Amino acid sequence: MRVEVLGTGCKKCEELYENTKKAIMEMQADVIIEKVSDVNYIAKMGVFMTPALVIDGKVISVGKSLSVDEIKARISELSTSGV
């Protein structure tokens, strides 16, 4: 599974990235996490408000920092659905 946190470095973007890292560590999931600040890539993904959370190429959340539990729930949903 590949998880991307899209953001330009604002406080919410940093918070989402840190929460995502914590969620993955707590789940002991086999996940590649990447922090992406390239505005061209972000726009290409159809994201026009950051931060955004992308899991396996699917935009999961836009414009807010999810909690650790919310991120874990999203990862679990997608890993069990085979997406």
PDB file of N, CA and C in Angstrom:
ATOM      1  N   MET A   1       0.852  -1.173   0.000  1.00  0.00           N
ATOM      2  CA  MET A   1       0.000   0.000   0.000  1.00  0.00           C
ATOM      3  C   MET A   1       0.895   1.232   0.000  1.00  0.00           C
ATOM      4  N   ARG A   2       0.464   2.232  -0.737  1.00  0.00           N
ATOM      5  CA  ARG A   2       1.210   3.493  -0.830  1.00  0.00           C
ATOM      6  C   ARG A   2       0.313   4.627  -0.348  1.00  0.00           C
ATOM      7  N   VAL A   3       0.829   5.408   0.585  1.00  0.00           N
ATOM      8  CA  VAL A   3       0.100   6.530   1.138  1.00  0.00           C
ATOM      9  C   VAL A   3       0.875   7.804   0.857  1.00  0.00           C
ATOM     10  N   GLU A   4       0.167   8.798   0.318  1.00  0.00           N
ATOM     11  CA  GLU A   4       0.781  10.091   0.041  1.00  0.00           C
ATOM     12  C   GLU A   4       0.044  11.170   0.824  1.00  0.00           C
ATOM     13  N   VAL A   5       0.811  12.063   1.426  1.00  0.00           N
ATOM     14  CA  VAL A   5       0.246  13.247   2.066  1.00  0.00           C
ATOM     15  C   VAL A   5       0.634  14.418   1.175  1.00  0.00           C
ATOM     16  N   LEU A   6      -0.383  15.041   0.588  1.00  0.00           N
ATOM     17  CA  LEU A   6      -0.148  16.157  -0.318  1.00  0.00           C
ATOM     18  C   LEU A   6      -0.303  17.464   0.436  1.00  0.00           C
ATOM     19  N   GLY A   7       0.691  18.328   0.326  1.00  0.00           N
ATOM     20  CA  GLY A   7       0.607  19.616   1.003  1.00  0.00           C
ATOM     21  C   GLY A   7       1.841  20.447   0.756  1.00  0.00           C
ATOM     22  N   THR A   8       1.673  21.729   0.964  1.00  0.00           N
ATOM     23  CA  THR A   8       2.750  22.672   0.668  1.00  0.00           C
ATOM     24  C   THR A   8       3.556  23.057   1.900  1.00  0.00           C
ATOM     25  N   GLY A   9       3.253  22.466   3.046  1.00  0.00           N
ATOM     26  CA  GLY A   9       4.041  22.731   4.236  1.00  0.00           C
ATOM     27  C   GLY A   9       3.324  23.534   5.306  1.00  0.00           C
ATOM     28  N   CYS A  10       2.034  23.750   5.144  1.00  0.00           N
ATOM     29  CA  CYS A  10       1.280  24.490   6.151  1.00  0.00           C
ATOM     30  C   CYS A  10       1.146  23.649   7.430  1.00  0.00           C
ATOM     31  N   LYS A  11       0.656  24.264   8.483  1.00  0.00           N
ATOM     32  CA  LYS A  11       0.527  23.575   9.769  1.00  0.00           C
ATOM     33  C   LYS A  11      -0.351  22.324   9.653  1.00  0.00           C
ATOM     34  N   LYS A  12      -1.485  22.427   8.956  1.00  0.00           N
ATOM     35  CA  LYS A  12      -2.377  21.272   8.791  1.00  0.00           C
ATOM     36  C   LYS A  12      -1.702  20.162   7.984  1.00  0.00           C
ATOM     37  N   CYS A  13      -0.913  20.555   6.984  1.00  0.00           N
ATOM     38  CA  CYS A  13      -0.210  19.567   6.157  1.00  0.00           C
ATOM     39  C   CYS A  13       0.780  18.780   7.003  1.00  0.00           C
ATOM     40  N   GLU A  14       1.538  19.479   7.832  1.00  0.00           N
ATOM     41  CA  GLU A  14       2.507  18.820   8.707  1.00  0.00           C
ATOM     42  C   GLU A  14       1.799  17.919   9.719  1.00  0.00           C
ATOM     43  N   GLU A  15       0.673  18.397  10.240  1.00  0.00           N
ATOM     44  CA  GLU A  15      -0.090  17.609  11.210  1.00  0.00           C
ATOM     45  C   GLU A  15      -0.614  16.322  10.583  1.00  0.00           C
ATOM     46  N   LEU A  16      -1.139  16.421   9.363  1.00  0.00           N
ATOM     47  CA  LEU A  16      -1.644  15.226   8.679  1.00  0.00           C
ATOM     48  C   LEU A  16      -0.513  14.235   8.426  1.00  0.00           C
ATOM     49  N   TYR A  17       0.641  14.735   8.032  1.00  0.00           N
ATOM     50  CA  TYR A  17       1.785  13.855   7.782  1.00  0.00           C
ATOM     51  C   TYR A  17       2.201  13.136   9.072  1.00  0.00           C
ATOM     52  N   GLU A  18       2.307  13.867  10.167  1.00  0.00           N
ATOM     53  CA  GLU A  18       2.697  13.264  11.439  1.00  0.00           C
ATOM     54  C   GLU A  18       1.647  12.257  11.917  1.00  0.00           C
ATOM     55  N   ASN A  19       0.364  12.596  11.789  1.00  0.00           N
ATOM     56  CA  ASN A  19      -0.703  11.670  12.179  1.00  0.00           C
ATOM     57  C   ASN A  19      -0.685  10.416  11.318  1.00  0.00           C
ATOM     58  N   THR A  20      -0.383  10.580  10.043  1.00  0.00           N
ATOM     59  CA  THR A  20      -0.323   9.433   9.129  1.00  0.00           C
ATOM     60  C   THR A  20       0.827   8.507   9.513  1.00  0.00           C
ATOM     61  N   LYS A  21       1.992   9.091   9.790  1.00  0.00           N
ATOM     62  CA  LYS A  21       3.134   8.270  10.220  1.00  0.00           C
ATOM     63  C   LYS A  21       2.796   7.508  11.503  1.00  0.00           C
ATOM     64  N   LYS A  22       2.154   8.181  12.444  1.00  0.00           N
ATOM     65  CA  LYS A  22       1.798   7.545  13.706  1.00  0.00           C
ATOM     66  C   LYS A  22       0.788   6.415  13.483  1.00  0.00           C
ATOM     67  N   ALA A  23      -0.211   6.656  12.643  1.00  0.00           N
ATOM     68  CA  ALA A  23      -1.223   5.642  12.355  1.00  0.00           C
ATOM     69  C   ALA A  23      -0.586   4.394  11.750  1.00  0.00           C
ATOM     70  N   ILE A  24       0.320   4.588  10.829  1.00  0.00           N
ATOM     71  CA  ILE A  24       0.982   3.461  10.163  1.00  0.00           C
ATOM     72  C   ILE A  24       1.850   2.689  11.147  1.00  0.00           C
ATOM     73  N   MET A  25       2.562   3.416  12.019  1.00  0.00           N
ATOM     74  CA  MET A  25       3.380   2.750  13.030  1.00  0.00           C
ATOM     75  C   MET A  25       2.515   1.948  13.993  1.00  0.00           C
ATOM     76  N   GLU A  26       1.394   2.516  14.427  1.00  0.00           N
ATOM     77  CA  GLU A  26       0.502   1.819  15.354  1.00  0.00           C
ATOM     78  C   GLU A  26      -0.112   0.575  14.729  1.00  0.00           C
ATOM     79  N   MET A  27      -0.405   0.653  13.434  1.00  0.00           N
ATOM     80  CA  MET A  27      -1.005  -0.489  12.738  1.00  0.00           C
ATOM     81  C   MET A  27       0.035  -1.530  12.351  1.00  0.00           C
ATOM     82  N   GLN A  28       1.296  -1.152  12.404  1.00  0.00           N
ATOM     83  CA  GLN A  28       2.388  -2.000  11.933  1.00  0.00           C
ATOM     84  C   GLN A  28       2.085  -2.483  10.510  1.00  0.00           C
ATOM     85  N   ALA A  29       1.595  -1.547   9.715  1.00  0.00           N
ATOM     86  CA  ALA A  29       1.185  -1.867   8.348  1.00  0.00           C
ATOM     87  C   ALA A  29       2.373  -1.805   7.395  1.00  0.00           C
ATOM     88  N   ASP A  30       2.303  -2.597   6.350  1.00  0.00           N
ATOM     89  CA  ASP A  30       3.321  -2.585   5.298  1.00  0.00           C
ATOM     90  C   ASP A  30       2.930  -1.495   4.310  1.00  0.00           C
ATOM     91  N   VAL A  31       3.352  -0.282   4.614  1.00  0.00           N
ATOM     92  CA  VAL A  31       2.912   0.894   3.869  1.00  0.00           C
ATOM     93  C   VAL A  31       4.111   1.767   3.531  1.00  0.00           C
ATOM     94  N   ILE A  32       4.115   2.266   2.316  1.00  0.00           N
ATOM     95  CA  ILE A  32       5.095   3.270   1.911  1.00  0.00           C
ATOM     96  C   ILE A  32       4.403   4.618   2.057  1.00  0.00           C
ATOM     97  N   ILE A  33       5.004   5.529   2.824  1.00  0.00           N
ATOM     98  CA  ILE A  33       4.417   6.846   3.005  1.00  0.00           C
ATOM     99  C   ILE A  33       5.330   7.890   2.372  1.00  0.00           C
ATOM    100  N   GLU A  34       4.703   8.820   1.671  1.00  0.00           N
ATOM    101  CA  GLU A  34       5.460   9.868   1.000  1.00  0.00           C
ATOM    102  C   GLU A  34       4.779  11.206   1.226  1.00  0.00           C
ATOM    103  N   LYS A  35       5.589  12.206   1.478  1.00  0.00           N
ATOM    104  CA  LYS A  35       5.121  13.580   1.634  1.00  0.00           C
ATOM    105  C   LYS A  35       5.375  14.286   0.303  1.00  0.00           C
ATOM    106  N   VAL A  36       4.328  14.821  -0.316  1.00  0.00           N
ATOM    107  CA  VAL A  36       4.445  15.422  -1.638  1.00  0.00           C
ATOM    108  C   VAL A  36       4.080  16.906  -1.570  1.00  0.00           C
ATOM    109  N   SER A  37       5.001  17.763  -2.001  1.00  0.00           N
ATOM    110  CA  SER A  37       4.738  19.200  -1.996  1.00  0.00           C
ATOM    111  C   SER A  37       4.741  19.810  -3.396  1.00  0.00           C
ATOM    112  N   ASP A  38       4.926  18.998  -4.418  1.00  0.00           N
ATOM    113  CA  ASP A  38       4.939  19.469  -5.800  1.00  0.00           C
ATOM    114  C   ASP A  38       3.535  19.907  -6.215  1.00  0.00           C
ATOM    115  N   VAL A  39       3.348  21.223  -6.404  1.00  0.00           N
ATOM    116  CA  VAL A  39       2.006  21.745  -6.696  1.00  0.00           C
ATOM    117  C   VAL A  39       1.460  21.229  -8.023  1.00  0.00           C
ATOM    118  N   ASN A  40       2.329  20.937  -8.971  1.00  0.00           N
ATOM    119  CA  ASN A  40       1.857  20.388 -10.248  1.00  0.00           C
ATOM    120  C   ASN A  40       1.284  18.986 -10.053  1.00  0.00           C
ATOM    121  N   TYR A  41       1.955  18.168  -9.262  1.00  0.00           N
ATOM    122  CA  TYR A  41       1.457  16.819  -8.964  1.00  0.00           C
ATOM    123  C   TYR A  41       0.153  16.897  -8.183  1.00  0.00           C
ATOM    124  N   ILE A  42       0.111  17.796  -7.199  1.00  0.00           N
ATOM    125  CA  ILE A  42      -1.092  17.961  -6.386  1.00  0.00           C
ATOM    126  C   ILE A  42      -2.283  18.334  -7.266  1.00  0.00           C
ATOM    127  N   ALA A  43      -2.086  19.282  -8.171  1.00  0.00           N
ATOM    128  CA  ALA A  43      -3.159  19.692  -9.089  1.00  0.00           C
ATOM    129  C   ALA A  43      -3.542  18.543 -10.024  1.00  0.00           C
ATOM    130  N   LYS A  44      -2.554  17.795 -10.481  1.00  0.00           N
ATOM    131  CA  LYS A  44      -2.818  16.660 -11.370  1.00  0.00           C
ATOM    132  C   LYS A  44      -3.707  15.616 -10.687  1.00  0.00           C
ATOM    133  N   MET A  45      -3.565  15.504  -9.381  1.00  0.00           N
ATOM    134  CA  MET A  45      -4.392  14.566  -8.610  1.00  0.00           C
ATOM    135  C   MET A  45      -5.807  15.109  -8.394  1.00  0.00           C
ATOM    136  N   GLY A  46      -6.062  16.344  -8.849  1.00  0.00           N
ATOM    137  CA  GLY A  46      -7.380  16.937  -8.693  1.00  0.00           C
ATOM    138  C   GLY A  46      -7.596  17.567  -7.331  1.00  0.00           C
ATOM    139  N   VAL A  47      -6.511  17.841  -6.630  1.00  0.00           N
ATOM    140  CA  VAL A  47      -6.585  18.423  -5.293  1.00  0.00           C
ATOM    141  C   VAL A  47      -6.289  19.918  -5.396  1.00  0.00           C
ATOM    142  N   PHE A  48      -7.231  20.721  -4.937  1.00  0.00           N
ATOM    143  CA  PHE A  48      -7.045  22.165  -4.997  1.00  0.00           C
ATOM    144  C   PHE A  48      -7.101  22.812  -3.621  1.00  0.00           C
ATOM    145  N   MET A  49      -7.181  21.974  -2.580  1.00  0.00           N
ATOM    146  CA  MET A  49      -7.104  22.447  -1.208  1.00  0.00           C
ATOM    147  C   MET A  49      -6.304  21.407  -0.425  1.00  0.00           C
ATOM    148  N   THR A  50      -5.292  21.863   0.264  1.00  0.00           N
ATOM    149  CA  THR A  50      -4.463  20.942   1.028  1.00  0.00           C
ATOM    150  C   THR A  50      -4.718  21.139   2.513  1.00  0.00           C
ATOM    151  N   PRO A  51      -4.383  20.154   3.299  1.00  0.00           N
ATOM    152  CA  PRO A  51      -3.708  18.902   2.953  1.00  0.00           C
ATOM    153  C   PRO A  51      -4.670  17.892   2.352  1.00  0.00           C
ATOM    154  N   ALA A  52      -4.087  16.897   1.716  1.00  0.00           N
ATOM    155  CA  ALA A  52      -4.885  15.809   1.167  1.00  0.00           C
ATOM    156  C   ALA A  52      -4.195  14.489   1.480  1.00  0.00           C
ATOM    157  N   LEU A  53      -5.000  13.469   1.669  1.00  0.00           N
ATOM    158  CA  LEU A  53      -4.493  12.124   1.906  1.00  0.00           C
ATOM    159  C   LEU A  53      -4.870  11.254   0.719  1.00  0.00           C
ATOM    160  N   VAL A  54      -3.871  10.595   0.151  1.00  0.00           N
ATOM    161  CA  VAL A  54      -4.069   9.735  -1.015  1.00  0.00           C
ATOM    162  C   VAL A  54      -3.582   8.336  -0.659  1.00  0.00           C
ATOM    163  N   ILE A  55      -4.438   7.351  -0.876  1.00  0.00           N
ATOM    164  CA  ILE A  55      -4.066   5.965  -0.614  1.00  0.00           C
ATOM    165  C   ILE A  55      -4.197   5.180  -1.912  1.00  0.00           C
ATOM    166  N   ASP A  56      -3.080   4.604  -2.342  1.00  0.00           N
ATOM    167  CA  ASP A  56      -3.019   3.834  -3.588  1.00  0.00           C
ATOM    168  C   ASP A  56      -3.650   4.593  -4.758  1.00  0.00           C
ATOM    169  N   GLY A  57      -3.321   5.887  -4.869  1.00  0.00           N
ATOM    170  CA  GLY A  57      -3.773   6.698  -5.991  1.00  0.00           C
ATOM    171  C   GLY A  57      -5.175   7.256  -5.859  1.00  0.00           C
ATOM    172  N   LYS A  58      -5.871   6.942  -4.767  1.00  0.00           N
ATOM    173  CA  LYS A  58      -7.238   7.415  -4.556  1.00  0.00           C
ATOM    174  C   LYS A  58      -7.233   8.507  -3.486  1.00  0.00           C
ATOM    175  N   VAL A  59      -7.787   9.676  -3.839  1.00  0.00           N
ATOM    176  CA  VAL A  59      -7.854  10.779  -2.891  1.00  0.00           C
ATOM    177  C   VAL A  59      -8.913  10.447  -1.838  1.00  0.00           C
ATOM    178  N   ILE A  60      -8.489  10.400  -0.587  1.00  0.00           N
ATOM    179  CA  ILE A  60      -9.338   9.989   0.529  1.00  0.00           C
ATOM    180  C   ILE A  60      -9.888  11.180   1.288  1.00  0.00           C
ATOM    181  N   SER A  61      -9.067  12.210   1.438  1.00  0.00           N
ATOM    182  CA  SER A  61      -9.457  13.370   2.230  1.00  0.00           C
ATOM    183  C   SER A  61      -8.799  14.619   1.657  1.00  0.00           C
ATOM    184  N   VAL A  62      -9.535  15.722   1.679  1.00  0.00           N
ATOM    185  CA  VAL A  62      -9.022  16.993   1.156  1.00  0.00           C
ATOM    186  C   VAL A  62      -9.370  18.110   2.125  1.00  0.00           C
ATOM    187  N   GLY A  63      -8.395  18.972   2.379  1.00  0.00           N
ATOM    188  CA  GLY A  63      -8.649  20.205   3.108  1.00  0.00           C
ATOM    189  C   GLY A  63      -8.707  20.115   4.610  1.00  0.00           C
ATOM    190  N   LYS A  64      -8.367  18.935   5.179  1.00  0.00           N
ATOM    191  CA  LYS A  64      -8.382  18.848   6.635  1.00  0.00           C
ATOM    192  C   LYS A  64      -7.346  17.840   7.102  1.00  0.00           C
ATOM    193  N   SER A  65      -6.983  17.982   8.354  1.00  0.00           N
ATOM    194  CA  SER A  65      -6.042  17.058   8.964  1.00  0.00           C
ATOM    195  C   SER A  65      -6.832  15.997   9.715  1.00  0.00           C
ATOM    196  N   LEU A  66      -6.760  14.778   9.251  1.00  0.00           N
ATOM    197  CA  LEU A  66      -7.461  13.672   9.903  1.00  0.00           C
ATOM    198  C   LEU A  66      -6.722  13.264  11.171  1.00  0.00           C
ATOM    199  N   SER A  67      -7.462  12.728  12.121  1.00  0.00           N
ATOM    200  CA  SER A  67      -6.851  12.205  13.339  1.00  0.00           C
ATOM    201  C   SER A  67      -6.194  10.862  13.034  1.00  0.00           C
ATOM    202  N   VAL A  68      -5.380  10.401  13.961  1.00  0.00           N
ATOM    203  CA  VAL A  68      -4.720   9.102  13.816  1.00  0.00           C
ATOM    204  C   VAL A  68      -5.770   8.000  13.636  1.00  0.00           C
ATOM    205  N   ASP A  69      -6.823   8.038  14.447  1.00  0.00           N
ATOM    206  CA  ASP A  69      -7.863   7.006  14.351  1.00  0.00           C
ATOM    207  C   ASP A  69      -8.610   7.063  13.017  1.00  0.00           C
ATOM    208  N   GLU A  70      -8.865   8.268  12.515  1.00  0.00           N
ATOM    209  CA  GLU A  70      -9.538   8.394  11.213  1.00  0.00           C
ATOM    210  C   GLU A  70      -8.665   7.816  10.100  1.00  0.00           C
ATOM    211  N   ILE A  71      -7.379   8.065  10.167  1.00  0.00           N
ATOM    212  CA  ILE A  71      -6.454   7.550   9.152  1.00  0.00           C
ATOM    213  C   ILE A  71      -6.398   6.029   9.223  1.00  0.00           C
ATOM    214  N   LYS A  72      -6.309   5.491  10.434  1.00  0.00           N
ATOM    215  CA  LYS A  72      -6.283   4.033  10.592  1.00  0.00           C
ATOM    216  C   LYS A  72      -7.552   3.404  10.031  1.00  0.00           C
ATOM    217  N   ALA A  73      -8.681   4.040  10.260  1.00  0.00           N
ATOM    218  CA  ALA A  73      -9.950   3.518   9.735  1.00  0.00           C
ATOM    219  C   ALA A  73      -9.942   3.519   8.214  1.00  0.00           C
ATOM    220  N   ARG A  74      -9.455   4.585   7.601  1.00  0.00           N
ATOM    221  CA  ARG A  74      -9.416   4.661   6.128  1.00  0.00           C
ATOM    222  C   ARG A  74      -8.498   3.589   5.553  1.00  0.00           C
ATOM    223  N   ILE A  75      -7.330   3.421   6.183  1.00  0.00           N
ATOM    224  CA  ILE A  75      -6.384   2.404   5.705  1.00  0.00           C
ATOM    225  C   ILE A  75      -6.995   1.013   5.840  1.00  0.00           C
ATOM    226  N   SER A  76      -7.639   0.750   6.964  1.00  0.00           N
ATOM    227  CA  SER A  76      -8.272  -0.555   7.178  1.00  0.00           C
ATOM    228  C   SER A  76      -9.371  -0.813   6.159  1.00  0.00           C
ATOM    229  N   GLU A  77     -10.201   0.197   5.909  1.00  0.00           N
ATOM    230  CA  GLU A  77     -11.286   0.046   4.933  1.00  0.00           C
ATOM    231  C   GLU A  77     -10.732  -0.329   3.570  1.00  0.00           C
ATOM    232  N   LEU A  78      -9.694   0.365   3.150  1.00  0.00           N
ATOM    233  CA  LEU A  78      -9.151   0.119   1.817  1.00  0.00           C
ATOM    234  C   LEU A  78      -8.387  -1.191   1.734  1.00  0.00           C
ATOM    235  N   SER A  79      -7.715  -1.566   2.810  1.00  0.00           N
ATOM    236  CA  SER A  79      -6.952  -2.814   2.753  1.00  0.00           C
ATOM    237  C   SER A  79      -7.883  -4.030   2.774  1.00  0.00           C
ATOM    238  N   THR A  80      -9.040  -3.917   3.414  1.00  0.00           N
ATOM    239  CA  THR A  80      -9.974  -5.048   3.444  1.00  0.00           C
ATOM    240  C   THR A  80     -10.821  -5.111   2.181  1.00  0.00           C
ATOM    241  N   SER A  81     -10.983  -3.965   1.511  1.00  0.00           N
ATOM    242  CA  SER A  81     -11.794  -3.969   0.289  1.00  0.00           C
ATOM    243  C   SER A  81     -10.970  -4.356  -0.931  1.00  0.00           C
ATOM    244  N   GLY A  82      -9.650  -4.447  -0.744  1.00  0.00           N
ATOM    245  CA  GLY A  82      -8.785  -4.866  -1.861  1.00  0.00           C
ATOM    246  C   GLY A  82      -8.513  -3.772  -2.853  1.00  0.00           C
ATOM    247  N   VAL A  83      -8.759  -2.521  -2.465  1.00  0.00           N
ATOM    248  CA  VAL A  83      -8.503  -1.395  -3.363  1.00  0.00           C
ATOM    249  C   VAL A  83      -7.046  -1.077  -3.357  1.00  0.00           C
TER     250      VAL A  83
END
